[in-house]
């Protein structure tokens, strides 16, 4: 399967899930879809940019990115919370 076909197949699966989660009006459903998409995006990014690094370093970078994404989503309305999380990371 070509790279474009894999991307189109992923979009064909995830876009309806995201629309369903938005129409459901449940913030946890939207967060789960966005969190999964963030995971796959970070995994692809770090596999391209850190291809020669050990898998454990890529996994750590993905975990840190997911922790930051979760903090932005859940703490974004609190003043300076995102800045504090970013400083901690």
PDB file of N, CA and C in Angstrom:
ATOM      1  N   UNK A   1       0.856  -1.173   0.000  1.00  0.00           N
ATOM      2  CA  UNK A   1       0.000   0.000   0.000  1.00  0.00           C
ATOM      3  C   UNK A   1       0.898   1.231   0.000  1.00  0.00           C
ATOM      4  N   UNK A   2       0.552   2.179  -0.833  1.00  0.00           N
ATOM      5  CA  UNK A   2       1.365   3.382  -0.916  1.00  0.00           C
ATOM      6  C   UNK A   2       1.122   4.276   0.291  1.00  0.00           C
ATOM      7  N   UNK A   3       2.009   5.221   0.474  1.00  0.00           N
ATOM      8  CA  UNK A   3       1.915   6.150   1.596  1.00  0.00           C
ATOM      9  C   UNK A   3       0.641   6.981   1.516  1.00  0.00           C
ATOM     10  N   UNK A   4       0.295   7.438   0.319  1.00  0.00           N
ATOM     11  CA  UNK A   4      -0.913   8.235   0.134  1.00  0.00           C
ATOM     12  C   UNK A   4      -2.160   7.408   0.435  1.00  0.00           C
ATOM     13  N   UNK A   5      -2.175   6.162   0.008  1.00  0.00           N
ATOM     14  CA  UNK A   5      -3.328   5.300   0.259  1.00  0.00           C
ATOM     15  C   UNK A   5      -3.503   5.055   1.757  1.00  0.00           C
ATOM     16  N   UNK A   6      -2.405   4.866   2.474  1.00  0.00           N
ATOM     17  CA  UNK A   6      -2.485   4.665   3.925  1.00  0.00           C
ATOM     18  C   UNK A   6      -3.021   5.916   4.615  1.00  0.00           C
ATOM     19  N   UNK A   7      -2.594   7.076   4.178  1.00  0.00           N
ATOM     20  CA  UNK A   7      -3.085   8.330   4.765  1.00  0.00           C
ATOM     21  C   UNK A   7      -4.571   8.534   4.479  1.00  0.00           C
ATOM     22  N   UNK A   8      -4.989   8.240   3.258  1.00  0.00           N
ATOM     23  CA  UNK A   8      -6.402   8.387   2.915  1.00  0.00           C
ATOM     24  C   UNK A   8      -7.270   7.396   3.679  1.00  0.00           C
ATOM     25  N   UNK A   9      -6.782   6.175   3.868  1.00  0.00           N
ATOM     26  CA  UNK A   9      -7.518   5.187   4.640  1.00  0.00           C
ATOM     27  C   UNK A   9      -7.638   5.613   6.098  1.00  0.00           C
ATOM     28  N   UNK A  10      -6.573   6.145   6.648  1.00  0.00           N
ATOM     29  CA  UNK A  10      -6.607   6.639   8.032  1.00  0.00           C
ATOM     30  C   UNK A  10      -7.597   7.787   8.156  1.00  0.00           C
ATOM     31  N   UNK A  11      -7.567   8.707   7.226  1.00  0.00           N
ATOM     32  CA  UNK A  11      -8.504   9.836   7.259  1.00  0.00           C
ATOM     33  C   UNK A  11      -9.940   9.354   7.098  1.00  0.00           C
ATOM     34  N   UNK A  12     -10.151   8.355   6.254  1.00  0.00           N
ATOM     35  CA  UNK A  12     -11.499   7.834   6.042  1.00  0.00           C
ATOM     36  C   UNK A  12     -12.061   7.197   7.302  1.00  0.00           C
ATOM     37  N   UNK A  13     -11.193   6.684   8.153  1.00  0.00           N
ATOM     38  CA  UNK A  13     -11.641   6.081   9.411  1.00  0.00           C
ATOM     39  C   UNK A  13     -11.778   7.126  10.505  1.00  0.00           C
ATOM     40  N   UNK A  14     -10.785   8.005  10.645  1.00  0.00           N
ATOM     41  CA  UNK A  14     -10.768   8.928  11.780  1.00  0.00           C
ATOM     42  C   UNK A  14     -11.699  10.134  11.623  1.00  0.00           C
ATOM     43  N   UNK A  15     -11.886  10.633  10.428  1.00  0.00           N
ATOM     44  CA  UNK A  15     -12.749  11.809  10.250  1.00  0.00           C
ATOM     45  C   UNK A  15     -14.197  11.512  10.652  1.00  0.00           C
ATOM     46  N   UNK A  16     -14.802  10.393  10.223  1.00  0.00           N
ATOM     47  CA  UNK A  16     -16.156  10.113  10.705  1.00  0.00           C
ATOM     48  C   UNK A  16     -16.228   9.914  12.223  1.00  0.00           C
ATOM     49  N   UNK A  17     -15.182   9.329  12.801  1.00  0.00           N
ATOM     50  CA  UNK A  17     -15.163   9.178  14.257  1.00  0.00           C
ATOM     51  C   UNK A  17     -15.122  10.536  14.947  1.00  0.00           C
ATOM     52  N   UNK A  18     -14.344  11.448  14.421  1.00  0.00           N
ATOM     53  CA  UNK A  18     -14.268  12.784  15.005  1.00  0.00           C
ATOM     54  C   UNK A  18     -15.595  13.514  14.856  1.00  0.00           C
ATOM     55  N   UNK A  19     -16.215  13.421  13.692  1.00  0.00           N
ATOM     56  CA  UNK A  19     -17.517  14.069  13.490  1.00  0.00           C
ATOM     57  C   UNK A  19     -18.554  13.467  14.427  1.00  0.00           C
ATOM     58  N   UNK A  20     -18.559  12.151  14.584  1.00  0.00           N
ATOM     59  CA  UNK A  20     -19.501  11.505  15.501  1.00  0.00           C
ATOM     60  C   UNK A  20     -19.259  11.949  16.936  1.00  0.00           C
ATOM     61  N   UNK A  21     -17.999  12.068  17.334  1.00  0.00           N
ATOM     62  CA  UNK A  21     -17.690  12.507  18.694  1.00  0.00           C
ATOM     63  C   UNK A  21     -18.130  13.952  18.918  1.00  0.00           C
ATOM     64  N   UNK A  22     -17.968  14.799  17.925  1.00  0.00           N
ATOM     65  CA  UNK A  22     -18.402  16.197  18.049  1.00  0.00           C
ATOM     66  C   UNK A  22     -19.920  16.270  18.127  1.00  0.00           C
ATOM     67  N   UNK A  23     -20.615  15.515  17.277  1.00  0.00           N
ATOM     68  CA  UNK A  23     -22.072  15.525  17.299  1.00  0.00           C
ATOM     69  C   UNK A  23     -22.617  14.930  18.595  1.00  0.00           C
ATOM     70  N   UNK A  24     -21.885  14.002  19.178  1.00  0.00           N
ATOM     71  CA  UNK A  24     -22.270  13.386  20.443  1.00  0.00           C
ATOM     72  C   UNK A  24     -22.164  14.400  21.572  1.00  0.00           C
ATOM     73  N   UNK A  25     -21.371  15.424  21.390  1.00  0.00           N
ATOM     74  CA  UNK A  25     -21.150  16.520  22.333  1.00  0.00           C
ATOM     75  C   UNK A  25     -20.609  16.031  23.677  1.00  0.00           C
ATOM     76  N   UNK A  26     -19.778  15.043  23.604  1.00  0.00           N
ATOM     77  CA  UNK A  26     -19.120  14.540  24.796  1.00  0.00           C
ATOM     78  C   UNK A  26     -17.648  14.922  24.711  1.00  0.00           C
ATOM     79  N   UNK A  27     -17.158  15.744  25.639  1.00  0.00           N
ATOM     80  CA  UNK A  27     -15.756  16.176  25.526  1.00  0.00           C
ATOM     81  C   UNK A  27     -14.763  15.027  25.632  1.00  0.00           C
ATOM     82  N   UNK A  28     -15.099  13.973  26.323  1.00  0.00           N
ATOM     83  CA  UNK A  28     -14.172  12.850  26.436  1.00  0.00           C
ATOM     84  C   UNK A  28     -14.058  12.122  25.096  1.00  0.00           C
ATOM     85  N   UNK A  29     -15.159  11.997  24.365  1.00  0.00           N
ATOM     86  CA  UNK A  29     -15.109  11.359  23.048  1.00  0.00           C
ATOM     87  C   UNK A  29     -14.246  12.140  22.074  1.00  0.00           C
ATOM     88  N   UNK A  30     -14.409  13.458  22.067  1.00  0.00           N
ATOM     89  CA  UNK A  30     -13.580  14.298  21.198  1.00  0.00           C
ATOM     90  C   UNK A  30     -12.122  14.190  21.617  1.00  0.00           C
ATOM     91  N   UNK A  31     -11.876  14.237  22.922  1.00  0.00           N
ATOM     92  CA  UNK A  31     -10.514  14.151  23.421  1.00  0.00           C
ATOM     93  C   UNK A  31      -9.865  12.833  23.017  1.00  0.00           C
ATOM     94  N   UNK A  32     -10.592  11.727  23.096  1.00  0.00           N
ATOM     95  CA  UNK A  32     -10.021  10.439  22.718  1.00  0.00           C
ATOM     96  C   UNK A  32      -9.622  10.397  21.247  1.00  0.00           C
ATOM     97  N   UNK A  33     -10.478  10.910  20.394  1.00  0.00           N
ATOM     98  CA  UNK A  33     -10.156  10.915  18.962  1.00  0.00           C
ATOM     99  C   UNK A  33      -8.946  11.803  18.689  1.00  0.00           C
ATOM    100  N   UNK A  34      -8.923  12.980  19.290  1.00  0.00           N
ATOM    101  CA  UNK A  34      -7.792  13.896  19.109  1.00  0.00           C
ATOM    102  C   UNK A  34      -6.520  13.299  19.712  1.00  0.00           C
ATOM    103  N   UNK A  35      -6.643  12.637  20.859  1.00  0.00           N
ATOM    104  CA  UNK A  35      -5.489  12.031  21.519  1.00  0.00           C
ATOM    105  C   UNK A  35      -4.899  10.915  20.664  1.00  0.00           C
ATOM    106  N   UNK A  36      -5.746  10.096  20.059  1.00  0.00           N
ATOM    107  CA  UNK A  36      -5.267   9.025  19.178  1.00  0.00           C
ATOM    108  C   UNK A  36      -4.590   9.618  17.945  1.00  0.00           C
ATOM    109  N   UNK A  37      -5.195  10.653  17.378  1.00  0.00           N
ATOM    110  CA  UNK A  37      -4.588  11.304  16.214  1.00  0.00           C
ATOM    111  C   UNK A  37      -3.251  11.938  16.588  1.00  0.00           C
ATOM    112  N   UNK A  38      -3.176  12.517  17.777  1.00  0.00           N
ATOM    113  CA  UNK A  38      -1.916  13.100  18.250  1.00  0.00           C
ATOM    114  C   UNK A  38      -0.849  12.027  18.399  1.00  0.00           C
ATOM    115  N   UNK A  39      -1.238  10.870  18.945  1.00  0.00           N
ATOM    116  CA  UNK A  39      -0.296   9.764  19.094  1.00  0.00           C
ATOM    117  C   UNK A  39       0.287   9.351  17.745  1.00  0.00           C
ATOM    118  N   UNK A  40      -0.594   9.141  16.762  1.00  0.00           N
ATOM    119  CA  UNK A  40      -0.103   8.710  15.454  1.00  0.00           C
ATOM    120  C   UNK A  40       0.737   9.790  14.779  1.00  0.00           C
ATOM    121  N   UNK A  41       0.367  11.039  14.953  1.00  0.00           N
ATOM    122  CA  UNK A  41       1.164  12.127  14.392  1.00  0.00           C
ATOM    123  C   UNK A  41       2.537  12.216  15.029  1.00  0.00           C
ATOM    124  N   UNK A  42       2.595  12.120  16.354  1.00  0.00           N
ATOM    125  CA  UNK A  42       3.886  12.153  17.044  1.00  0.00           C
ATOM    126  C   UNK A  42       4.740  10.949  16.671  1.00  0.00           C
ATOM    127  N   UNK A  43       4.106   9.783  16.565  1.00  0.00           N
ATOM    128  CA  UNK A  43       4.860   8.579  16.209  1.00  0.00           C
ATOM    129  C   UNK A  43       5.483   8.727  14.824  1.00  0.00           C
ATOM    130  N   UNK A  44       4.714   9.219  13.874  1.00  0.00           N
ATOM    131  CA  UNK A  44       5.240   9.403  12.525  1.00  0.00           C
ATOM    132  C   UNK A  44       6.351  10.456  12.510  1.00  0.00           C
ATOM    133  N   UNK A  45       6.131  11.566  13.224  1.00  0.00           N
ATOM    134  CA  UNK A  45       7.131  12.627  13.270  1.00  0.00           C
ATOM    135  C   UNK A  45       8.451  12.128  13.861  1.00  0.00           C
ATOM    136  N   UNK A  46       8.376  11.446  15.010  1.00  0.00           N
ATOM    137  CA  UNK A  46       9.604  10.993  15.644  1.00  0.00           C
ATOM    138  C   UNK A  46      10.250   9.831  14.905  1.00  0.00           C
ATOM    139  N   UNK A  47       9.483   9.024  14.211  1.00  0.00           N
ATOM    140  CA  UNK A  47      10.098   7.982  13.388  1.00  0.00           C
ATOM    141  C   UNK A  47      10.857   8.582  12.210  1.00  0.00           C
ATOM    142  N   UNK A  48      10.416   9.751  11.730  1.00  0.00           N
ATOM    143  CA  UNK A  48      11.141  10.405  10.645  1.00  0.00           C
ATOM    144  C   UNK A  48      12.354  11.165  11.168  1.00  0.00           C
ATOM    145  N   UNK A  49      12.182  11.912  12.268  1.00  0.00           N
ATOM    146  CA  UNK A  49      13.255  12.789  12.727  1.00  0.00           C
ATOM    147  C   UNK A  49      14.263  12.093  13.629  1.00  0.00           C
ATOM    148  N   UNK A  50      13.849  11.065  14.333  1.00  0.00           N
ATOM    149  CA  UNK A  50      14.755  10.343  15.230  1.00  0.00           C
ATOM    150  C   UNK A  50      14.924   8.897  14.783  1.00  0.00           C
ATOM    151  N   UNK A  51      15.016   8.688  13.483  1.00  0.00           N
ATOM    152  CA  UNK A  51      15.053   7.330  12.933  1.00  0.00           C
ATOM    153  C   UNK A  51      16.256   6.533  13.423  1.00  0.00           C
ATOM    154  N   UNK A  52      17.374   7.202  13.675  1.00  0.00           N
ATOM    155  CA  UNK A  52      18.586   6.493  14.091  1.00  0.00           C
ATOM    156  C   UNK A  52      18.693   6.341  15.600  1.00  0.00           C
ATOM    157  N   UNK A  53      17.799   6.954  16.331  1.00  0.00           N
ATOM    158  CA  UNK A  53      17.822   6.860  17.794  1.00  0.00           C
ATOM    159  C   UNK A  53      17.129   5.569  18.240  1.00  0.00           C
ATOM    160  N   UNK A  54      17.440   5.108  19.459  1.00  0.00           N
ATOM    161  CA  UNK A  54      16.770   3.901  19.953  1.00  0.00           C
ATOM    162  C   UNK A  54      15.261   4.104  20.084  1.00  0.00           C
ATOM    163  N   UNK A  55      14.531   3.015  19.975  1.00  0.00           N
ATOM    164  CA  UNK A  55      13.067   3.080  20.067  1.00  0.00           C
ATOM    165  C   UNK A  55      12.615   3.624  21.419  1.00  0.00           C
ATOM    166  N   UNK A  56      13.403   3.390  22.455  1.00  0.00           N
ATOM    167  CA  UNK A  56      13.022   3.881  23.789  1.00  0.00           C
ATOM    168  C   UNK A  56      13.021   5.409  23.828  1.00  0.00           C
ATOM    169  N   UNK A  57      13.933   6.044  23.124  1.00  0.00           N
ATOM    170  CA  UNK A  57      13.954   7.508  23.088  1.00  0.00           C
ATOM    171  C   UNK A  57      12.766   8.061  22.316  1.00  0.00           C
ATOM    172  N   UNK A  58      12.409   7.395  21.234  1.00  0.00           N
ATOM    173  CA  UNK A  58      11.218   7.828  20.487  1.00  0.00           C
ATOM    174  C   UNK A  58       9.962   7.633  21.330  1.00  0.00           C
ATOM    175  N   UNK A  59       9.871   6.524  22.059  1.00  0.00           N
ATOM    176  CA  UNK A  59       8.705   6.273  22.911  1.00  0.00           C
ATOM    177  C   UNK A  59       8.611   7.312  24.020  1.00  0.00           C
ATOM    178  N   UNK A  60       9.742   7.695  24.583  1.00  0.00           N
ATOM    179  CA  UNK A  60       9.745   8.726  25.627  1.00  0.00           C
ATOM    180  C   UNK A  60       9.285  10.066  25.053  1.00  0.00           C
ATOM    181  N   UNK A  61       9.752  10.409  23.867  1.00  0.00           N
ATOM    182  CA  UNK A  61       9.349  11.665  23.238  1.00  0.00           C
ATOM    183  C   UNK A  61       7.847  11.665  22.942  1.00  0.00           C
ATOM    184  N   UNK A  62       7.319  10.537  22.512  1.00  0.00           N
ATOM    185  CA  UNK A  62       5.881  10.435  22.259  1.00  0.00           C
ATOM    186  C   UNK A  62       5.111  10.583  23.563  1.00  0.00           C
ATOM    187  N   UNK A  63       5.579   9.945  24.630  1.00  0.00           N
ATOM    188  CA  UNK A  63       4.899  10.046  25.928  1.00  0.00           C
ATOM    189  C   UNK A  63       4.890  11.478  26.441  1.00  0.00           C
ATOM    190  N   UNK A  64       5.999  12.180  26.290  1.00  0.00           N
ATOM    191  CA  UNK A  64       6.063  13.581  26.726  1.00  0.00           C
ATOM    192  C   UNK A  64       5.123  14.438  25.881  1.00  0.00           C
ATOM    193  N   UNK A  65       5.104  14.200  24.585  1.00  0.00           N
ATOM    194  CA  UNK A  65       4.200  14.943  23.712  1.00  0.00           C
ATOM    195  C   UNK A  65       2.738  14.688  24.049  1.00  0.00           C
ATOM    196  N   UNK A  66       2.395  13.447  24.358  1.00  0.00           N
ATOM    197  CA  UNK A  66       1.017  13.126  24.736  1.00  0.00           C
ATOM    198  C   UNK A  66       0.655  13.748  26.083  1.00  0.00           C
ATOM    199  N   UNK A  67       1.600  13.763  27.012  1.00  0.00           N
ATOM    200  CA  UNK A  67       1.342  14.401  28.303  1.00  0.00           C
ATOM    201  C   UNK A  67       1.100  15.897  28.120  1.00  0.00           C
ATOM    202  N   UNK A  68       1.877  16.514  27.257  1.00  0.00           N
ATOM    203  CA  UNK A  68       1.672  17.942  27.002  1.00  0.00           C
ATOM    204  C   UNK A  68       0.330  18.181  26.312  1.00  0.00           C
ATOM    205  N   UNK A  69      -0.006  17.345  25.336  1.00  0.00           N
ATOM    206  CA  UNK A  69      -1.288  17.503  24.639  1.00  0.00           C
ATOM    207  C   UNK A  69      -2.457  17.337  25.607  1.00  0.00           C
ATOM    208  N   UNK A  70      -2.371  16.372  26.505  1.00  0.00           N
ATOM    209  CA  UNK A  70      -3.438  16.166  27.493  1.00  0.00           C
ATOM    210  C   UNK A  70      -3.541  17.356  28.436  1.00  0.00           C
ATOM    211  N   UNK A  71      -2.406  17.891  28.847  1.00  0.00           N
ATOM    212  CA  UNK A  71      -2.445  19.038  29.759  1.00  0.00           C
ATOM    213  C   UNK A  71      -3.017  20.271  29.078  1.00  0.00           C
ATOM    214  N   UNK A  72      -2.704  20.456  27.807  1.00  0.00           N
ATOM    215  CA  UNK A  72      -3.277  21.597  27.075  1.00  0.00           C
ATOM    216  C   UNK A  72      -4.789  21.435  26.958  1.00  0.00           C
ATOM    217  N   UNK A  73      -5.240  20.219  26.689  1.00  0.00           N
ATOM    218  CA  UNK A  73      -6.670  19.995  26.527  1.00  0.00           C
ATOM    219  C   UNK A  73      -7.418  20.152  27.848  1.00  0.00           C
ATOM    220  N   UNK A  74      -6.899  19.551  28.907  1.00  0.00           N
ATOM    221  CA  UNK A  74      -7.624  19.527  30.174  1.00  0.00           C
ATOM    222  C   UNK A  74      -7.332  20.713  31.071  1.00  0.00           C
ATOM    223  N   UNK A  75      -6.186  21.355  30.927  1.00  0.00           N
ATOM    224  CA  UNK A  75      -5.822  22.476  31.799  1.00  0.00           C
ATOM    225  C   UNK A  75      -5.732  23.797  31.048  1.00  0.00           C
ATOM    226  N   UNK A  76      -6.095  23.813  29.789  1.00  0.00           N
ATOM    227  CA  UNK A  76      -5.940  24.995  28.956  1.00  0.00           C
ATOM    228  C   UNK A  76      -6.709  26.209  29.432  1.00  0.00           C
ATOM    229  N   UNK A  77      -7.774  26.008  30.186  1.00  0.00           N
ATOM    230  CA  UNK A  77      -8.566  27.145  30.650  1.00  0.00           C
ATOM    231  C   UNK A  77      -8.024  27.755  31.942  1.00  0.00           C
ATOM    232  N   UNK A  78      -7.065  27.106  32.555  1.00  0.00           N
ATOM    233  CA  UNK A  78      -6.477  27.636  33.785  1.00  0.00           C
ATOM    234  C   UNK A  78      -5.278  28.514  33.437  1.00  0.00           C
ATOM    235  N   UNK A  79      -5.252  29.656  34.037  1.00  0.00           N
ATOM    236  CA  UNK A  79      -4.195  30.613  33.746  1.00  0.00           C
ATOM    237  C   UNK A  79      -2.830  30.056  34.162  1.00  0.00           C
ATOM    238  N   UNK A  80      -1.886  30.089  33.254  1.00  0.00           N
ATOM    239  CA  UNK A  80      -0.488  29.693  33.457  1.00  0.00           C
ATOM    240  C   UNK A  80      -0.286  28.190  33.654  1.00  0.00           C
ATOM    241  N   UNK A  81      -1.336  27.360  33.592  1.00  0.00           N
ATOM    242  CA  UNK A  81      -1.161  25.925  33.772  1.00  0.00           C
ATOM    243  C   UNK A  81      -0.341  25.321  32.625  1.00  0.00           C
ATOM    244  N   UNK A  82      -0.659  25.727  31.399  1.00  0.00           N
ATOM    245  CA  UNK A  82       0.053  25.185  30.252  1.00  0.00           C
ATOM    246  C   UNK A  82       1.515  25.630  30.281  1.00  0.00           C
ATOM    247  N   UNK A  83       1.755  26.846  30.689  1.00  0.00           N
ATOM    248  CA  UNK A  83       3.140  27.341  30.791  1.00  0.00           C
ATOM    249  C   UNK A  83       3.892  26.529  31.844  1.00  0.00           C
ATOM    250  N   UNK A  84       3.250  26.235  32.953  1.00  0.00           N
ATOM    251  CA  UNK A  84       3.899  25.460  34.013  1.00  0.00           C
ATOM    252  C   UNK A  84       4.208  24.042  33.531  1.00  0.00           C
ATOM    253  N   UNK A  85       3.278  23.430  32.812  1.00  0.00           N
ATOM    254  CA  UNK A  85       3.524  22.088  32.285  1.00  0.00           C
ATOM    255  C   UNK A  85       4.650  22.112  31.267  1.00  0.00           C
ATOM    256  N   UNK A  86       4.648  23.099  30.387  1.00  0.00           N
ATOM    257  CA  UNK A  86       5.707  23.220  29.399  1.00  0.00           C
ATOM    258  C   UNK A  86       7.063  23.426  30.060  1.00  0.00           C
ATOM    259  N   UNK A  87       7.109  24.222  31.111  1.00  0.00           N
ATOM    260  CA  UNK A  87       8.363  24.432  31.839  1.00  0.00           C
ATOM    261  C   UNK A  87       8.810  23.131  32.505  1.00  0.00           C
ATOM    262  N   UNK A  88       7.866  22.339  32.989  1.00  0.00           N
ATOM    263  CA  UNK A  88       8.202  21.062  33.601  1.00  0.00           C
ATOM    264  C   UNK A  88       8.743  20.056  32.603  1.00  0.00           C
ATOM    265  N   UNK A  89       8.195  20.109  31.411  1.00  0.00           N
ATOM    266  CA  UNK A  89       8.655  19.182  30.364  1.00  0.00           C
ATOM    267  C   UNK A  89      10.033  19.581  29.907  1.00  0.00           C
TER     268      UNK A  89
END
